């Protein structure tokens, strides 16, 4: 398959080994949603301990089927990714400026078992240091907007009832809080919520 994708000027991307305590960050260049235009990006090595000076966002998503693979352009080389990984990159890319992210399918050499194990061991820190974690649940459908709107209304109702009561974050307190012993005022859109939470990301 690879020979049909590469051009004479492009070859397969080769990962450089990571030093102890390093991770890779991916900078995605401005990218249109047009599927005919490849995702163009670059990889850089950074020390996890020094990431306070290199802001980035971390991605959380579902790989899906890893077998069908599509190319992206990494430092003028070709890297083949699972279809869902490429879709996520295209989805989060800005149309007018670069965006720096961490995504496991690209920032970890998936063919190096030792590196994979080392990176998985520090994955919690990778997500903690990120300025934001972007969650890609999947493509939206007819229920997505309804579900999000319903959750926002429910959240607003909770805010009105409990305000800044931090104890409500404790599960045992939450279950016994008088606010939640009575009926919910907001109408629950069960169909939309069930569809939303049936996404593979929640499984």
C-alpha atoms as a PDB file:
ATOM      1  CA  UNK A   1       0.000   0.000   0.000  1.00  0.00           C
ATOM      2  CA  UNK A   2       2.754   2.443   0.927  1.00  0.00           C
ATOM      3  CA  UNK A   3       4.349   2.391  -2.509  1.00  0.00           C
ATOM      4  CA  UNK A   4       1.104   3.729  -4.008  1.00  0.00           C
ATOM      5  CA  UNK A   5       1.064   6.699  -1.630  1.00  0.00           C
ATOM      6  CA  UNK A   6       4.657   7.893  -1.670  1.00  0.00           C
ATOM      7  CA  UNK A   7       5.973  10.224  -4.339  1.00  0.00           C
ATOM      8  CA  UNK A   8       9.600  10.264  -5.523  1.00  0.00           C
ATOM      9  CA  UNK A   9      10.260  13.206  -3.189  1.00  0.00           C
ATOM     10  CA  UNK A  10       8.563  11.760  -0.131  1.00  0.00           C
ATOM     11  CA  UNK A  11       9.557   8.738   1.903  1.00  0.00           C
ATOM     12  CA  UNK A  12       8.196   7.062   4.995  1.00  0.00           C
ATOM     13  CA  UNK A  13       8.650   8.980   8.243  1.00  0.00           C
ATOM     14  CA  UNK A  14      11.305   7.545  10.554  1.00  0.00           C
ATOM     15  CA  UNK A  15      11.057   8.265  14.280  1.00  0.00           C
ATOM     16  CA  UNK A  16      14.084   9.563  16.162  1.00  0.00           C
ATOM     17  CA  UNK A  17      14.500   7.864  19.574  1.00  0.00           C
ATOM     18  CA  UNK A  18      13.295   9.780  22.618  1.00  0.00           C
ATOM     19  CA  UNK A  19      15.667  10.688  25.425  1.00  0.00           C
ATOM     20  CA  UNK A  20      14.753   9.903  29.015  1.00  0.00           C
ATOM     21  CA  UNK A  21      11.880  12.141  30.133  1.00  0.00           C
ATOM     22  CA  UNK A  22      11.071  13.365  26.633  1.00  0.00           C
ATOM     23  CA  UNK A  23       7.810  13.305  24.703  1.00  0.00           C
ATOM     24  CA  UNK A  24       6.922  14.378  21.178  1.00  0.00           C
ATOM     25  CA  UNK A  25       4.560  17.210  20.330  1.00  0.00           C
ATOM     26  CA  UNK A  26       2.773  17.530  17.008  1.00  0.00           C
ATOM     27  CA  UNK A  27       2.243  20.926  15.413  1.00  0.00           C
ATOM     28  CA  UNK A  28      -0.553  20.823  12.845  1.00  0.00           C
ATOM     29  CA  UNK A  29      -0.376  23.404  10.091  1.00  0.00           C
ATOM     30  CA  UNK A  30      -3.563  25.218   9.005  1.00  0.00           C
ATOM     31  CA  UNK A  31      -5.742  22.633   7.324  1.00  0.00           C
ATOM     32  CA  UNK A  32      -9.017  22.789   5.394  1.00  0.00           C
ATOM     33  CA  UNK A  33     -11.684  20.149   5.909  1.00  0.00           C
ATOM     34  CA  UNK A  34     -11.251  19.131   2.260  1.00  0.00           C
ATOM     35  CA  UNK A  35     -10.270  15.458   2.355  1.00  0.00           C
ATOM     36  CA  UNK A  36      -8.212  15.835  -0.826  1.00  0.00           C
ATOM     37  CA  UNK A  37      -5.758  18.127   0.975  1.00  0.00           C
ATOM     38  CA  UNK A  38      -3.366  16.150   3.220  1.00  0.00           C
ATOM     39  CA  UNK A  39      -2.802  17.026   6.862  1.00  0.00           C
ATOM     40  CA  UNK A  40       0.620  18.685   7.163  1.00  0.00           C
ATOM     41  CA  UNK A  41       2.423  18.777  10.495  1.00  0.00           C
ATOM     42  CA  UNK A  42       5.756  18.532  12.273  1.00  0.00           C
ATOM     43  CA  UNK A  43       7.054  16.595  15.272  1.00  0.00           C
ATOM     44  CA  UNK A  44       9.374  17.955  17.948  1.00  0.00           C
ATOM     45  CA  UNK A  45      10.989  16.465  21.051  1.00  0.00           C
ATOM     46  CA  UNK A  46      10.452  18.254  24.357  1.00  0.00           C
ATOM     47  CA  UNK A  47      11.259  17.490  27.970  1.00  0.00           C
ATOM     48  CA  UNK A  48       8.168  16.659  29.998  1.00  0.00           C
ATOM     49  CA  UNK A  49       9.672  18.593  32.912  1.00  0.00           C
ATOM     50  CA  UNK A  50       9.934  21.768  30.818  1.00  0.00           C
ATOM     51  CA  UNK A  51       6.515  21.766  29.231  1.00  0.00           C
ATOM     52  CA  UNK A  52       5.363  24.796  31.201  1.00  0.00           C
ATOM     53  CA  UNK A  53       7.139  26.851  28.545  1.00  0.00           C
ATOM     54  CA  UNK A  54       5.667  24.910  25.607  1.00  0.00           C
ATOM     55  CA  UNK A  55       1.858  24.924  25.834  1.00  0.00           C
ATOM     56  CA  UNK A  56      -0.006  22.141  24.087  1.00  0.00           C
ATOM     57  CA  UNK A  57      -3.364  20.399  24.119  1.00  0.00           C
ATOM     58  CA  UNK A  58      -3.813  16.656  24.581  1.00  0.00           C
ATOM     59  CA  UNK A  59      -6.296  14.583  22.598  1.00  0.00           C
ATOM     60  CA  UNK A  60      -8.535  11.827  23.913  1.00  0.00           C
ATOM     61  CA  UNK A  61     -10.422   9.786  21.326  1.00  0.00           C
ATOM     62  CA  UNK A  62     -11.168   6.248  20.133  1.00  0.00           C
ATOM     63  CA  UNK A  63      -8.758   4.703  17.630  1.00  0.00           C
ATOM     64  CA  UNK A  64     -11.403   2.593  15.945  1.00  0.00           C
ATOM     65  CA  UNK A  65     -10.245   0.036  13.378  1.00  0.00           C
ATOM     66  CA  UNK A  66      -6.423   0.362  13.144  1.00  0.00           C
ATOM     67  CA  UNK A  67      -6.140  -1.483   9.831  1.00  0.00           C
ATOM     68  CA  UNK A  68      -7.346   1.008   7.180  1.00  0.00           C
ATOM     69  CA  UNK A  69      -4.593   3.623   7.135  1.00  0.00           C
ATOM     70  CA  UNK A  70      -4.334   7.019   5.486  1.00  0.00           C
ATOM     71  CA  UNK A  71      -1.272   9.248   4.999  1.00  0.00           C
ATOM     72  CA  UNK A  72      -0.379  12.505   6.686  1.00  0.00           C
ATOM     73  CA  UNK A  73       2.663  14.653   5.974  1.00  0.00           C
ATOM     74  CA  UNK A  74       5.083  14.812   8.924  1.00  0.00           C
ATOM     75  CA  UNK A  75       8.197  16.923   8.346  1.00  0.00           C
ATOM     76  CA  UNK A  76       7.836  16.330   4.593  1.00  0.00           C
ATOM     77  CA  UNK A  77       7.677  12.574   5.124  1.00  0.00           C
ATOM     78  CA  UNK A  78       4.713  10.226   4.987  1.00  0.00           C
ATOM     79  CA  UNK A  79       3.232   8.656   8.116  1.00  0.00           C
ATOM     80  CA  UNK A  80       0.299   6.262   7.833  1.00  0.00           C
ATOM     81  CA  UNK A  81      -2.388   6.568  10.508  1.00  0.00           C
ATOM     82  CA  UNK A  82      -5.633   4.799  11.363  1.00  0.00           C
ATOM     83  CA  UNK A  83      -8.545   6.534   9.647  1.00  0.00           C
ATOM     84  CA  UNK A  84      -9.992   7.840  12.910  1.00  0.00           C
ATOM     85  CA  UNK A  85      -6.671   9.381  13.974  1.00  0.00           C
ATOM     86  CA  UNK A  86      -6.389  11.313  10.711  1.00  0.00           C
ATOM     87  CA  UNK A  87     -10.009  12.414  11.036  1.00  0.00           C
ATOM     88  CA  UNK A  88      -9.341  13.766  14.536  1.00  0.00           C
ATOM     89  CA  UNK A  89      -6.289  15.740  13.361  1.00  0.00           C
ATOM     90  CA  UNK A  90      -8.279  17.274  10.524  1.00  0.00           C
ATOM     91  CA  UNK A  91     -11.121  18.068  12.921  1.00  0.00           C
ATOM     92  CA  UNK A  92      -8.978  19.936  15.472  1.00  0.00           C
ATOM     93  CA  UNK A  93      -6.697  21.718  12.990  1.00  0.00           C
ATOM     94  CA  UNK A  94      -7.207  25.466  12.812  1.00  0.00           C
ATOM     95  CA  UNK A  95      -7.973  26.912   9.364  1.00  0.00           C
ATOM     96  CA  UNK A  96      -5.673  29.910   9.802  1.00  0.00           C
ATOM     97  CA  UNK A  97      -2.899  29.122  12.303  1.00  0.00           C
ATOM     98  CA  UNK A  98      -0.823  26.187  13.622  1.00  0.00           C
ATOM     99  CA  UNK A  99      -1.975  24.149  16.607  1.00  0.00           C
ATOM    100  CA  UNK A 100       0.276  22.124  18.914  1.00  0.00           C
ATOM    101  CA  UNK A 101      -1.147  18.921  20.341  1.00  0.00           C
ATOM    102  CA  UNK A 102      -0.232  15.570  21.824  1.00  0.00           C
ATOM    103  CA  UNK A 103      -1.895  12.551  20.235  1.00  0.00           C
ATOM    104  CA  UNK A 104      -0.776   9.026  21.043  1.00  0.00           C
ATOM    105  CA  UNK A 105      -1.022   7.547  17.539  1.00  0.00           C
ATOM    106  CA  UNK A 106       1.539  10.058  16.215  1.00  0.00           C
ATOM    107  CA  UNK A 107       3.555  11.224  19.218  1.00  0.00           C
ATOM    108  CA  UNK A 108       4.377   7.660  20.263  1.00  0.00           C
ATOM    109  CA  UNK A 109       6.237   5.344  17.906  1.00  0.00           C
ATOM    110  CA  UNK A 110       3.660   2.574  17.760  1.00  0.00           C
ATOM    111  CA  UNK A 111       6.200   0.140  16.310  1.00  0.00           C
ATOM    112  CA  UNK A 112       8.590   0.480  19.269  1.00  0.00           C
ATOM    113  CA  UNK A 113       7.231  -1.608  22.154  1.00  0.00           C
ATOM    114  CA  UNK A 114       9.781  -0.292  24.664  1.00  0.00           C
ATOM    115  CA  UNK A 115       8.930   3.317  23.855  1.00  0.00           C
ATOM    116  CA  UNK A 116       5.212   2.601  23.983  1.00  0.00           C
ATOM    117  CA  UNK A 117       5.539   1.141  27.469  1.00  0.00           C
ATOM    118  CA  UNK A 118       7.645   4.090  28.657  1.00  0.00           C
ATOM    119  CA  UNK A 119       5.210   6.661  27.261  1.00  0.00           C
ATOM    120  CA  UNK A 120       2.144   4.898  28.645  1.00  0.00           C
ATOM    121  CA  UNK A 121       3.788   5.014  32.080  1.00  0.00           C
ATOM    122  CA  UNK A 122       3.925   8.840  31.954  1.00  0.00           C
ATOM    123  CA  UNK A 123       0.638   9.374  30.118  1.00  0.00           C
ATOM    124  CA  UNK A 124      -1.094  10.705  33.222  1.00  0.00           C
ATOM    125  CA  UNK A 125       1.513  13.453  33.477  1.00  0.00           C
ATOM    126  CA  UNK A 126       1.159  14.220  29.765  1.00  0.00           C
ATOM    127  CA  UNK A 127      -2.545  14.885  30.225  1.00  0.00           C
ATOM    128  CA  UNK A 128      -2.068  16.761  33.514  1.00  0.00           C
ATOM    129  CA  UNK A 129       0.474  19.193  32.048  1.00  0.00           C
ATOM    130  CA  UNK A 130      -1.621  19.914  28.939  1.00  0.00           C
ATOM    131  CA  UNK A 131      -3.326  23.302  28.875  1.00  0.00           C
ATOM    132  CA  UNK A 132      -6.495  21.546  27.762  1.00  0.00           C
ATOM    133  CA  UNK A 133      -7.686  18.020  26.987  1.00  0.00           C
ATOM    134  CA  UNK A 134      -9.723  17.804  23.795  1.00  0.00           C
ATOM    135  CA  UNK A 135     -12.183  14.911  23.701  1.00  0.00           C
ATOM    136  CA  UNK A 136     -13.306  13.678  20.296  1.00  0.00           C
ATOM    137  CA  UNK A 137     -16.391  11.547  20.849  1.00  0.00           C
ATOM    138  CA  UNK A 138     -17.129  11.064  17.163  1.00  0.00           C
ATOM    139  CA  UNK A 139     -19.061  12.659  14.349  1.00  0.00           C
ATOM    140  CA  UNK A 140     -22.182  14.518  15.404  1.00  0.00           C
ATOM    141  CA  UNK A 141     -25.623  13.212  14.529  1.00  0.00           C
ATOM    142  CA  UNK A 142     -29.223  14.368  14.891  1.00  0.00           C
ATOM    143  CA  UNK A 143     -29.076  13.897  18.678  1.00  0.00           C
ATOM    144  CA  UNK A 144     -25.740  15.564  19.479  1.00  0.00           C
ATOM    145  CA  UNK A 145     -26.912  19.172  19.827  1.00  0.00           C
ATOM    146  CA  UNK A 146     -29.997  18.083  21.746  1.00  0.00           C
ATOM    147  CA  UNK A 147     -27.902  16.056  24.203  1.00  0.00           C
ATOM    148  CA  UNK A 148     -25.397  18.870  24.798  1.00  0.00           C
ATOM    149  CA  UNK A 149     -28.162  21.439  25.262  1.00  0.00           C
ATOM    150  CA  UNK A 150     -29.922  19.131  27.726  1.00  0.00           C
ATOM    151  CA  UNK A 151     -26.728  18.623  29.748  1.00  0.00           C
ATOM    152  CA  UNK A 152     -26.126  22.381  29.846  1.00  0.00           C
ATOM    153  CA  UNK A 153     -29.641  22.938  31.201  1.00  0.00           C
ATOM    154  CA  UNK A 154     -29.131  20.247  33.839  1.00  0.00           C
ATOM    155  CA  UNK A 155     -25.787  21.749  34.814  1.00  0.00           C
ATOM    156  CA  UNK A 156     -27.383  25.183  35.125  1.00  0.00           C
ATOM    157  CA  UNK A 157     -30.066  23.737  37.394  1.00  0.00           C
ATOM    158  CA  UNK A 158     -27.415  22.157  39.626  1.00  0.00           C
ATOM    159  CA  UNK A 159     -25.454  25.432  39.765  1.00  0.00           C
ATOM    160  CA  UNK A 160     -28.580  27.313  40.812  1.00  0.00           C
ATOM    161  CA  UNK A 161     -29.302  24.801  43.567  1.00  0.00           C
ATOM    162  CA  UNK A 162     -25.857  24.143  45.056  1.00  0.00           C
ATOM    163  CA  UNK A 163     -23.704  27.069  43.911  1.00  0.00           C
ATOM    164  CA  UNK A 164     -20.099  26.713  45.069  1.00  0.00           C
ATOM    165  CA  UNK A 165     -20.724  23.898  47.540  1.00  0.00           C
ATOM    166  CA  UNK A 166     -17.526  21.901  46.951  1.00  0.00           C
ATOM    167  CA  UNK A 167     -18.700  19.068  49.199  1.00  0.00           C
ATOM    168  CA  UNK A 168     -21.177  18.147  46.496  1.00  0.00           C
ATOM    169  CA  UNK A 169     -18.213  16.724  44.563  1.00  0.00           C
ATOM    170  CA  UNK A 170     -17.987  13.872  47.100  1.00  0.00           C
ATOM    171  CA  UNK A 171     -20.141  10.969  45.795  1.00  0.00           C
ATOM    172  CA  UNK A 172     -21.626  10.082  49.190  1.00  0.00           C
ATOM    173  CA  UNK A 173     -22.590  13.709  49.826  1.00  0.00           C
ATOM    174  CA  UNK A 174     -23.990  14.058  46.302  1.00  0.00           C
ATOM    175  CA  UNK A 175     -26.274  11.049  46.739  1.00  0.00           C
ATOM    176  CA  UNK A 176     -27.678  12.336  50.045  1.00  0.00           C
ATOM    177  CA  UNK A 177     -27.863  16.048  49.204  1.00  0.00           C
ATOM    178  CA  UNK A 178     -31.461  17.277  49.682  1.00  0.00           C
ATOM    179  CA  UNK A 179     -31.361  19.029  46.322  1.00  0.00           C
ATOM    180  CA  UNK A 180     -31.132  15.699  44.530  1.00  0.00           C
ATOM    181  CA  UNK A 181     -33.751  13.892  46.580  1.00  0.00           C
ATOM    182  CA  UNK A 182     -36.574  15.686  44.761  1.00  0.00           C
ATOM    183  CA  UNK A 183     -37.660  15.727  41.122  1.00  0.00           C
ATOM    184  CA  UNK A 184     -35.510  17.282  38.400  1.00  0.00           C
ATOM    185  CA  UNK A 185     -37.078  20.442  37.001  1.00  0.00           C
ATOM    186  CA  UNK A 186     -35.355  20.164  33.636  1.00  0.00           C
ATOM    187  CA  UNK A 187     -37.040  17.816  31.201  1.00  0.00           C
ATOM    188  CA  UNK A 188     -34.719  14.896  30.443  1.00  0.00           C
ATOM    189  CA  UNK A 189     -34.207  14.195  26.742  1.00  0.00           C
ATOM    190  CA  UNK A 190     -33.606  10.478  27.225  1.00  0.00           C
ATOM    191  CA  UNK A 191     -33.359   9.616  23.539  1.00  0.00           C
ATOM    192  CA  UNK A 192     -30.663  12.202  22.859  1.00  0.00           C
ATOM    193  CA  UNK A 193     -28.691  11.456  26.028  1.00  0.00           C
ATOM    194  CA  UNK A 194     -28.759   7.696  25.482  1.00  0.00           C
ATOM    195  CA  UNK A 195     -27.540   8.171  21.921  1.00  0.00           C
ATOM    196  CA  UNK A 196     -24.765  10.534  23.064  1.00  0.00           C
ATOM    197  CA  UNK A 197     -23.473   8.270  25.834  1.00  0.00           C
ATOM    198  CA  UNK A 198     -23.631   5.221  23.573  1.00  0.00           C
ATOM    199  CA  UNK A 199     -20.522   6.539  21.821  1.00  0.00           C
ATOM    200  CA  UNK A 200     -17.542   4.162  21.855  1.00  0.00           C
ATOM    201  CA  UNK A 201     -15.533   6.763  23.821  1.00  0.00           C
ATOM    202  CA  UNK A 202     -17.668   6.084  26.924  1.00  0.00           C
ATOM    203  CA  UNK A 203     -17.279   2.304  26.796  1.00  0.00           C
END
